[in-house]
Structure formats: C-alpha cells, structure tokens
C-alpha cells in the first residue's frame, strides 16, 4: 500500500468520526452519558391523576428527599441540586405555578439528595395566606457532561397545609 492511499484512508476515517461527533455531541449514537431526573420520596405523596404529585406540607421537621439521578455510562457522576417551593395563586394552573410562580423558599447548590426546611420558614409559609405551594428539584451534573431527562427537573409536587379542624365544644354527660 502506498503512502498516498494510506493518507486518504486515514483522512476519510477522521472526517467520518468528526461527522458522527457533530451529530451526537454527547458522545456516541445512543446519546452518550445520560441520567434520569430526580424523583421525590418525601414528603409522602400520591399521584393526583393530573400529572403531578400531591402531598401534605409537613408542619414540623419538613424534610424533602428525592432519589438521585441514575447515570448510565457514567456511574461516578456527582450531582448538585436546587430545591424550589413556589406559591400557587387561586386560579393558577399547577404547571404554570411551577414555571412562573413566586418563589416562597429556595435552596441552591445542595450536595445531597435532601433538604430540611427551617421551622421558621414553615411557620411563615403556613401563615402567609397561600393555601397551595408547588415544589420541584432540579439536578445538575457537576461538570455538565450528562444529558438529563426533563432537563434534570423532577416531577412537580403540589403541597398544602392540613386544615386545622375547629374544635366543637362537647357536652359532657354524666352517666351516674
């Protein structure tokens, strides 16, 4: 084989690899490194049937916990999380509140898959006059080289405070 033919074959190979990398910048035809979005574990929630979760906002020791993303082809990837709780105004769609609502509480740059809400924040939210809130966590890979499902956004969780029941006076009856 002569040198010119070898050079042409090598150049064609390099060009074809460059074209594949341009089409699949995350590294490969199957998308390269990708990861699932986080998913809430706590507070315990149920499926609303409308595409989001619903849960009672814990009145004491509010702890939000979520599953960390699972990365394929990159098992040692670390993630950073942002937890945001936003107000839902009457008549507002839950999805709109998650995207455009007023931030009631936010914790950025969490290095673990959990966040404790301070008790004074819980009391402030409870007494704010807002009946519903939405919570969402966003995961970002440290280094930014992992494509995340739903751009790293968890499902939306609709939160509400349990309504305090007014206590009715009870008649005491002596059965003597």
C-alpha atoms as a PDB file:
ATOM      1  CA  UNK A   1       0.000   0.000   0.000  1.00  0.00           C
ATOM      2  CA  UNK A   2       1.435   3.332  -0.872  1.00  0.00           C
ATOM      3  CA  UNK A   3       1.629   6.303   1.472  1.00  0.00           C
ATOM      4  CA  UNK A   4      -0.833   8.427  -0.507  1.00  0.00           C
ATOM      5  CA  UNK A   5      -3.563   5.760  -0.326  1.00  0.00           C
ATOM      6  CA  UNK A   6      -2.969   5.279   3.428  1.00  0.00           C
ATOM      7  CA  UNK A   7      -3.181   9.032   3.973  1.00  0.00           C
ATOM      8  CA  UNK A   8      -6.503   9.231   2.086  1.00  0.00           C
ATOM      9  CA  UNK A   9      -7.970   6.333   4.079  1.00  0.00           C
ATOM     10  CA  UNK A  10      -6.911   7.926   7.366  1.00  0.00           C
ATOM     11  CA  UNK A  11      -8.374  11.284   6.336  1.00  0.00           C
ATOM     12  CA  UNK A  12     -11.697   9.665   5.361  1.00  0.00           C
ATOM     13  CA  UNK A  13     -11.791   7.896   8.719  1.00  0.00           C
ATOM     14  CA  UNK A  14     -11.087  11.134  10.633  1.00  0.00           C
ATOM     15  CA  UNK A  15     -13.744  13.005   8.633  1.00  0.00           C
ATOM     16  CA  UNK A  16     -16.343  10.317   9.313  1.00  0.00           C
ATOM     17  CA  UNK A  17     -15.590  10.385  13.066  1.00  0.00           C
ATOM     18  CA  UNK A  18     -15.843  14.196  13.062  1.00  0.00           C
ATOM     19  CA  UNK A  19     -19.246  13.980  11.362  1.00  0.00           C
ATOM     20  CA  UNK A  20     -20.512  11.487  13.956  1.00  0.00           C
ATOM     21  CA  UNK A  21     -19.306  13.727  16.808  1.00  0.00           C
ATOM     22  CA  UNK A  22     -21.075  16.714  15.222  1.00  0.00           C
ATOM     23  CA  UNK A  23     -24.334  14.750  15.045  1.00  0.00           C
ATOM     24  CA  UNK A  24     -24.016  13.258  18.534  1.00  0.00           C
ATOM     25  CA  UNK A  25     -22.141  15.765  20.706  1.00  0.00           C
ATOM     26  CA  UNK A  26     -22.836  13.848  23.942  1.00  0.00           C
ATOM     27  CA  UNK A  27     -20.600  11.079  22.704  1.00  0.00           C
ATOM     28  CA  UNK A  28     -21.977   8.301  20.605  1.00  0.00           C
ATOM     29  CA  UNK A  29     -25.026   7.253  18.699  1.00  0.00           C
ATOM     30  CA  UNK A  30     -27.051   6.242  21.734  1.00  0.00           C
ATOM     31  CA  UNK A  31     -26.783   9.669  23.373  1.00  0.00           C
ATOM     32  CA  UNK A  32     -23.671   9.009  25.439  1.00  0.00           C
ATOM     33  CA  UNK A  33     -23.889   9.861  29.109  1.00  0.00           C
ATOM     34  CA  UNK A  34     -27.458  10.426  30.215  1.00  0.00           C
ATOM     35  CA  UNK A  35     -29.266  10.370  33.533  1.00  0.00           C
ATOM     36  CA  UNK A  36     -32.773  10.171  34.878  1.00  0.00           C
ATOM     37  CA  UNK A  37     -34.328  13.147  36.625  1.00  0.00           C
ATOM     38  CA  UNK A  38     -34.681  13.041  40.412  1.00  0.00           C
ATOM     39  CA  UNK A  39     -37.951  11.810  41.904  1.00  0.00           C
ATOM     40  CA  UNK A  40     -39.494  12.840  45.261  1.00  0.00           C
ATOM     41  CA  UNK A  41     -39.543  10.266  48.043  1.00  0.00           C
ATOM     42  CA  UNK A  42     -40.529  12.502  50.951  1.00  0.00           C
ATOM     43  CA  UNK A  43     -42.908  14.000  51.907  1.00  0.00           C
ATOM     44  CA  UNK A  44     -45.030  11.018  51.064  1.00  0.00           C
ATOM     45  CA  UNK A  45     -47.180  11.929  48.074  1.00  0.00           C
ATOM     46  CA  UNK A  46     -49.813  10.394  45.867  1.00  0.00           C
ATOM     47  CA  UNK A  47     -50.439  10.697  42.143  1.00  0.00           C
ATOM     48  CA  UNK A  48     -53.061  13.344  41.522  1.00  0.00           C
ATOM     49  CA  UNK A  49     -54.162  11.938  38.182  1.00  0.00           C
ATOM     50  CA  UNK A  50     -53.335  15.277  36.562  1.00  0.00           C
ATOM     51  CA  UNK A  51     -49.623  14.719  36.020  1.00  0.00           C
ATOM     52  CA  UNK A  52     -48.241  15.864  39.347  1.00  0.00           C
ATOM     53  CA  UNK A  53     -47.905  14.596  42.888  1.00  0.00           C
ATOM     54  CA  UNK A  54     -49.894  15.881  45.876  1.00  0.00           C
ATOM     55  CA  UNK A  55     -48.739  15.891  49.484  1.00  0.00           C
ATOM     56  CA  UNK A  56     -49.460  17.482  52.800  1.00  0.00           C
ATOM     57  CA  UNK A  57     -46.809  20.040  53.717  1.00  0.00           C
ATOM     58  CA  UNK A  58     -45.212  18.732  56.919  1.00  0.00           C
ATOM     59  CA  UNK A  59     -45.951  21.206  59.710  1.00  0.00           C
ATOM     60  CA  UNK A  60     -42.922  20.079  61.732  1.00  0.00           C
ATOM     61  CA  UNK A  61     -39.496  18.904  60.611  1.00  0.00           C
ATOM     62  CA  UNK A  62     -40.246  19.338  56.907  1.00  0.00           C
ATOM     63  CA  UNK A  63     -37.729  17.234  55.093  1.00  0.00           C
ATOM     64  CA  UNK A  64     -37.695  16.874  51.321  1.00  0.00           C
ATOM     65  CA  UNK A  65     -35.906  13.793  49.990  1.00  0.00           C
ATOM     66  CA  UNK A  66     -35.564  12.667  46.385  1.00  0.00           C
ATOM     67  CA  UNK A  67     -33.900   9.840  44.521  1.00  0.00           C
ATOM     68  CA  UNK A  68     -30.631  10.917  42.977  1.00  0.00           C
ATOM     69  CA  UNK A  69     -30.392  10.658  39.185  1.00  0.00           C
ATOM     70  CA  UNK A  70     -29.130   7.382  37.805  1.00  0.00           C
ATOM     71  CA  UNK A  71     -26.493   7.975  35.146  1.00  0.00           C
ATOM     72  CA  UNK A  72     -25.772   5.358  32.504  1.00  0.00           C
ATOM     73  CA  UNK A  73     -22.245   5.146  31.102  1.00  0.00           C
ATOM     74  CA  UNK A  74     -21.086   7.479  33.894  1.00  0.00           C
ATOM     75  CA  UNK A  75     -21.568   5.775  37.275  1.00  0.00           C
ATOM     76  CA  UNK A  76     -19.293   8.165  39.170  1.00  0.00           C
ATOM     77  CA  UNK A  77     -21.041  11.379  38.151  1.00  0.00           C
ATOM     78  CA  UNK A  78     -21.913  13.679  41.045  1.00  0.00           C
ATOM     79  CA  UNK A  79     -24.898  15.983  41.086  1.00  0.00           C
ATOM     80  CA  UNK A  80     -25.839  19.305  42.618  1.00  0.00           C
ATOM     81  CA  UNK A  81     -29.480  20.128  43.421  1.00  0.00           C
ATOM     82  CA  UNK A  82     -31.737  23.173  43.646  1.00  0.00           C
ATOM     83  CA  UNK A  83     -34.989  22.800  45.608  1.00  0.00           C
ATOM     84  CA  UNK A  84     -37.623  25.451  44.925  1.00  0.00           C
ATOM     85  CA  UNK A  85     -41.013  25.936  46.575  1.00  0.00           C
ATOM     86  CA  UNK A  86     -43.345  28.403  44.855  1.00  0.00           C
ATOM     87  CA  UNK A  87     -46.731  29.867  45.698  1.00  0.00           C
ATOM     88  CA  UNK A  88     -49.847  28.858  43.763  1.00  0.00           C
ATOM     89  CA  UNK A  89     -52.290  31.745  43.472  1.00  0.00           C
ATOM     90  CA  UNK A  90     -56.024  30.968  43.228  1.00  0.00           C
ATOM     91  CA  UNK A  91     -56.988  30.027  39.679  1.00  0.00           C
ATOM     92  CA  UNK A  92     -53.405  29.356  38.609  1.00  0.00           C
ATOM     93  CA  UNK A  93     -52.546  26.064  36.924  1.00  0.00           C
ATOM     94  CA  UNK A  94     -50.090  23.933  38.884  1.00  0.00           C
ATOM     95  CA  UNK A  95     -47.685  23.664  35.941  1.00  0.00           C
ATOM     96  CA  UNK A  96     -47.758  27.453  35.460  1.00  0.00           C
ATOM     97  CA  UNK A  97     -47.062  27.977  39.160  1.00  0.00           C
ATOM     98  CA  UNK A  98     -44.030  25.672  38.934  1.00  0.00           C
ATOM     99  CA  UNK A  99     -42.686  27.627  35.994  1.00  0.00           C
ATOM    100  CA  UNK A 100     -43.725  31.218  36.726  1.00  0.00           C
ATOM    101  CA  UNK A 101     -44.813  31.311  40.382  1.00  0.00           C
ATOM    102  CA  UNK A 102     -43.350  33.473  43.108  1.00  0.00           C
ATOM    103  CA  UNK A 103     -40.563  31.750  44.991  1.00  0.00           C
ATOM    104  CA  UNK A 104     -41.510  31.106  48.621  1.00  0.00           C
ATOM    105  CA  UNK A 105     -38.365  29.134  49.521  1.00  0.00           C
ATOM    106  CA  UNK A 106     -35.300  28.110  47.568  1.00  0.00           C
ATOM    107  CA  UNK A 107     -32.140  26.236  48.443  1.00  0.00           C
ATOM    108  CA  UNK A 108     -29.473  26.115  45.730  1.00  0.00           C
ATOM    109  CA  UNK A 109     -26.302  24.093  45.403  1.00  0.00           C
ATOM    110  CA  UNK A 110     -27.302  21.189  47.635  1.00  0.00           C
ATOM    111  CA  UNK A 111     -24.738  18.400  47.507  1.00  0.00           C
ATOM    112  CA  UNK A 112     -27.064  15.734  48.966  1.00  0.00           C
ATOM    113  CA  UNK A 113     -30.470  14.498  47.861  1.00  0.00           C
ATOM    114  CA  UNK A 114     -32.316  16.021  50.804  1.00  0.00           C
ATOM    115  CA  UNK A 115     -33.217  19.384  52.280  1.00  0.00           C
ATOM    116  CA  UNK A 116     -34.627  20.340  55.683  1.00  0.00           C
ATOM    117  CA  UNK A 117     -36.922  23.349  55.669  1.00  0.00           C
ATOM    118  CA  UNK A 118     -36.283  25.543  58.727  1.00  0.00           C
ATOM    119  CA  UNK A 119     -39.211  25.689  61.160  1.00  0.00           C
ATOM    120  CA  UNK A 120     -39.474  29.494  60.929  1.00  0.00           C
ATOM    121  CA  UNK A 121     -39.889  29.178  57.135  1.00  0.00           C
ATOM    122  CA  UNK A 122     -42.637  26.579  57.601  1.00  0.00           C
ATOM    123  CA  UNK A 123     -44.483  28.866  60.018  1.00  0.00           C
ATOM    124  CA  UNK A 124     -44.083  31.795  57.647  1.00  0.00           C
ATOM    125  CA  UNK A 125     -45.480  29.780  54.723  1.00  0.00           C
ATOM    126  CA  UNK A 126     -48.302  28.413  56.860  1.00  0.00           C
ATOM    127  CA  UNK A 127     -49.339  31.905  57.934  1.00  0.00           C
ATOM    128  CA  UNK A 128     -48.839  33.541  54.525  1.00  0.00           C
ATOM    129  CA  UNK A 129     -52.444  33.182  53.389  1.00  0.00           C
ATOM    130  CA  UNK A 130     -51.388  30.966  50.492  1.00  0.00           C
ATOM    131  CA  UNK A 131     -53.204  27.636  50.501  1.00  0.00           C
ATOM    132  CA  UNK A 132     -51.087  25.720  47.979  1.00  0.00           C
ATOM    133  CA  UNK A 133     -47.445  25.550  47.015  1.00  0.00           C
ATOM    134  CA  UNK A 134     -45.510  23.615  44.390  1.00  0.00           C
ATOM    135  CA  UNK A 135     -42.124  22.018  44.945  1.00  0.00           C
ATOM    136  CA  UNK A 136     -39.626  20.906  42.358  1.00  0.00           C
ATOM    137  CA  UNK A 137     -35.992  19.860  42.490  1.00  0.00           C
ATOM    138  CA  UNK A 138     -33.546  20.311  39.645  1.00  0.00           C
ATOM    139  CA  UNK A 139     -30.398  18.199  39.362  1.00  0.00           C
ATOM    140  CA  UNK A 140     -27.286  19.329  37.529  1.00  0.00           C
ATOM    141  CA  UNK A 141     -24.283  17.156  36.919  1.00  0.00           C
ATOM    142  CA  UNK A 142     -21.052  18.548  38.251  1.00  0.00           C
ATOM    143  CA  UNK A 143     -19.008  19.069  35.136  1.00  0.00           C
ATOM    144  CA  UNK A 144     -22.112  19.361  32.954  1.00  0.00           C
ATOM    145  CA  UNK A 145     -21.310  16.397  30.714  1.00  0.00           C
ATOM    146  CA  UNK A 146     -24.507  14.396  31.338  1.00  0.00           C
ATOM    147  CA  UNK A 147     -27.732  14.852  29.425  1.00  0.00           C
ATOM    148  CA  UNK A 148     -30.610  14.818  31.926  1.00  0.00           C
ATOM    149  CA  UNK A 149     -34.161  13.567  31.388  1.00  0.00           C
ATOM    150  CA  UNK A 150     -36.577  16.538  31.558  1.00  0.00           C
ATOM    151  CA  UNK A 151     -33.527  18.844  31.838  1.00  0.00           C
ATOM    152  CA  UNK A 152     -32.909  17.449  35.332  1.00  0.00           C
ATOM    153  CA  UNK A 153     -36.290  18.611  36.675  1.00  0.00           C
ATOM    154  CA  UNK A 154     -38.228  16.324  38.990  1.00  0.00           C
ATOM    155  CA  UNK A 155     -41.959  15.900  38.822  1.00  0.00           C
ATOM    156  CA  UNK A 156     -43.988  18.737  40.309  1.00  0.00           C
ATOM    157  CA  UNK A 157     -45.356  18.236  43.824  1.00  0.00           C
ATOM    158  CA  UNK A 158     -48.433  20.190  44.900  1.00  0.00           C
ATOM    159  CA  UNK A 159     -48.262  20.912  48.628  1.00  0.00           C
ATOM    160  CA  UNK A 160     -50.979  22.012  51.028  1.00  0.00           C
ATOM    161  CA  UNK A 161     -51.174  22.530  54.771  1.00  0.00           C
ATOM    162  CA  UNK A 162     -53.623  20.324  56.617  1.00  0.00           C
ATOM    163  CA  UNK A 163     -56.593  22.414  57.629  1.00  0.00           C
ATOM    164  CA  UNK A 164     -56.907  22.728  61.354  1.00  0.00           C
ATOM    165  CA  UNK A 165     -60.307  21.438  62.385  1.00  0.00           C
ATOM    166  CA  UNK A 166     -62.226  23.783  64.589  1.00  0.00           C
ATOM    167  CA  UNK A 167     -62.940  22.037  67.811  1.00  0.00           C
ATOM    168  CA  UNK A 168     -66.594  21.892  68.675  1.00  0.00           C
ATOM    169  CA  UNK A 169     -67.442  22.107  72.319  1.00  0.00           C
ATOM    170  CA  UNK A 170     -68.668  18.766  73.516  1.00  0.00           C
ATOM    171  CA  UNK A 171     -71.423  18.288  76.005  1.00  0.00           C
ATOM    172  CA  UNK A 172     -70.246  16.365  78.955  1.00  0.00           C
ATOM    173  CA  UNK A 173     -72.750  13.837  80.118  1.00  0.00           C
ATOM    174  CA  UNK A 174     -72.506  12.203  83.470  1.00  0.00           C
ATOM    175  CA  UNK A 175     -73.897   8.743  83.452  1.00  0.00           C
ATOM    176  CA  UNK A 176     -74.227   8.489  87.186  1.00  0.00           C
END
